Amino acid sequence: MPYLLIINFISVIVCIFDKHRAKKGGYRVPESTLFTLCLMGGSVGMYFMMRLVRHKTRHKRFMIGIPLIIILQIAVLLVVKYVDLW
């Protein structure tokens, strides 16, 4: 649980940083980094912050991709919790 809090916090900070840089110009966070943070468990924080600050909301890749990652992560958690694979 602490891991998920930390990775979501990092995802929120990176999303805010990228939004700030998008407004001011300069170095931007690569999209691959944003998706990597989501895949590492920060998808919920990233998605809600993107919606809150309206960052990348015009990009279908993000508005479809991140919710799909969230659904996949929930499915994996349910399988791990409820399916006896052994």
Protein backbone atom coordinates (compact mmCIF):
# COMPACT_ATOMS: atom_id res chain seq x y z
CA MET A 1 0.00 0.00 0.00
CA PRO A 2 2.75 2.56 0.75
CA TYR A 3 4.21 1.83 -2.69
CA LEU A 4 0.95 2.77 -4.42
CA LEU A 5 0.70 6.00 -2.43
CA ILE A 6 4.25 6.96 -3.33
CA ILE A 7 4.01 6.11 -7.04
CA ASN A 8 0.69 7.93 -7.34
CA PHE A 9 2.15 10.97 -5.57
CA ILE A 10 5.10 10.95 -7.99
CA SER A 11 2.69 10.62 -10.94
CA VAL A 12 0.68 13.63 -9.74
CA ILE A 13 3.83 15.74 -9.33
CA VAL A 14 5.14 14.76 -12.77
CA CYS A 15 1.76 15.54 -14.36
CA ILE A 16 1.67 18.99 -12.72
CA PHE A 17 5.29 19.63 -13.76
CA ASP A 18 4.55 18.67 -17.37
CA LYS A 19 1.45 20.87 -17.44
CA HIS A 20 3.50 23.79 -16.11
CA ARG A 21 6.20 23.21 -18.73
CA ALA A 22 3.55 22.97 -21.46
CA LYS A 23 2.34 26.45 -20.52
CA LYS A 24 5.80 28.01 -20.09
CA GLY A 25 7.68 26.16 -22.82
CA GLY A 26 10.90 24.26 -22.43
CA TYR A 27 11.67 20.67 -21.51
CA ARG A 28 8.64 18.40 -21.46
CA VAL A 29 8.22 15.02 -19.83
CA PRO A 30 8.20 12.33 -22.55
CA GLU A 31 4.86 10.58 -23.06
CA SER A 32 6.61 7.26 -22.55
CA THR A 33 7.58 8.40 -19.04
CA LEU A 34 3.98 9.32 -18.25
CA PHE A 35 2.76 5.91 -19.42
CA THR A 36 5.57 4.14 -17.55
CA LEU A 37 4.51 5.81 -14.30
CA CYS A 38 0.94 4.63 -14.99
CA LEU A 39 2.08 1.08 -15.62
CA MET A 40 4.12 1.14 -12.41
CA GLY A 41 0.92 1.79 -10.44
CA GLY A 42 0.44 5.54 -10.68
CA SER A 43 -2.40 5.41 -13.17
CA VAL A 44 -5.17 6.54 -10.81
CA GLY A 45 -3.26 9.59 -9.58
CA MET A 46 -2.16 10.48 -13.11
CA TYR A 47 -5.67 10.15 -14.53
CA PHE A 48 -7.38 12.26 -11.88
CA MET A 49 -4.70 14.96 -12.02
CA MET A 50 -4.90 15.05 -15.81
CA ARG A 51 -8.63 15.62 -15.53
CA LEU A 52 -8.24 18.18 -12.75
CA VAL A 53 -5.66 20.37 -14.52
CA ARG A 54 -6.91 19.50 -18.04
CA HIS A 55 -3.57 18.11 -19.18
CA LYS A 56 -3.44 15.76 -22.18
CA THR A 57 -7.23 15.54 -22.18
CA ARG A 58 -7.38 16.16 -25.95
CA HIS A 59 -5.11 13.18 -26.59
CA LYS A 60 -7.17 10.02 -27.14
CA ARG A 61 -4.03 8.02 -26.45
CA PHE A 62 -4.14 9.21 -22.85
CA MET A 63 -7.89 9.48 -22.30
CA ILE A 64 -8.41 5.91 -23.48
CA GLY A 65 -5.04 4.38 -22.58
CA ILE A 66 -4.87 5.34 -18.92
CA PRO A 67 -8.40 4.12 -18.05
CA LEU A 68 -7.54 0.85 -19.83
CA ILE A 69 -4.40 0.56 -17.70
CA ILE A 70 -6.52 1.14 -14.58
CA ILE A 71 -8.98 -1.58 -15.64
CA LEU A 72 -6.11 -3.97 -16.37
CA GLN A 73 -4.53 -3.26 -12.98
CA ILE A 74 -7.83 -3.85 -11.18
CA ALA A 75 -8.30 -7.12 -13.08
CA VAL A 76 -4.80 -8.27 -12.11
CA LEU A 77 -5.43 -7.40 -8.46
CA LEU A 78 -8.71 -9.34 -8.49
CA VAL A 79 -7.07 -12.37 -10.07
CA VAL A 80 -4.23 -12.30 -7.57
CA LYS A 81 -6.63 -11.91 -4.66
CA TYR A 82 -9.40 -14.36 -5.61
CA VAL A 83 -8.02 -16.94 -8.02
CA ASP A 84 -6.06 -19.80 -6.62
CA LEU A 85 -3.49 -20.42 -9.33
CA TRP A 86 -1.79 -23.25 -7.48
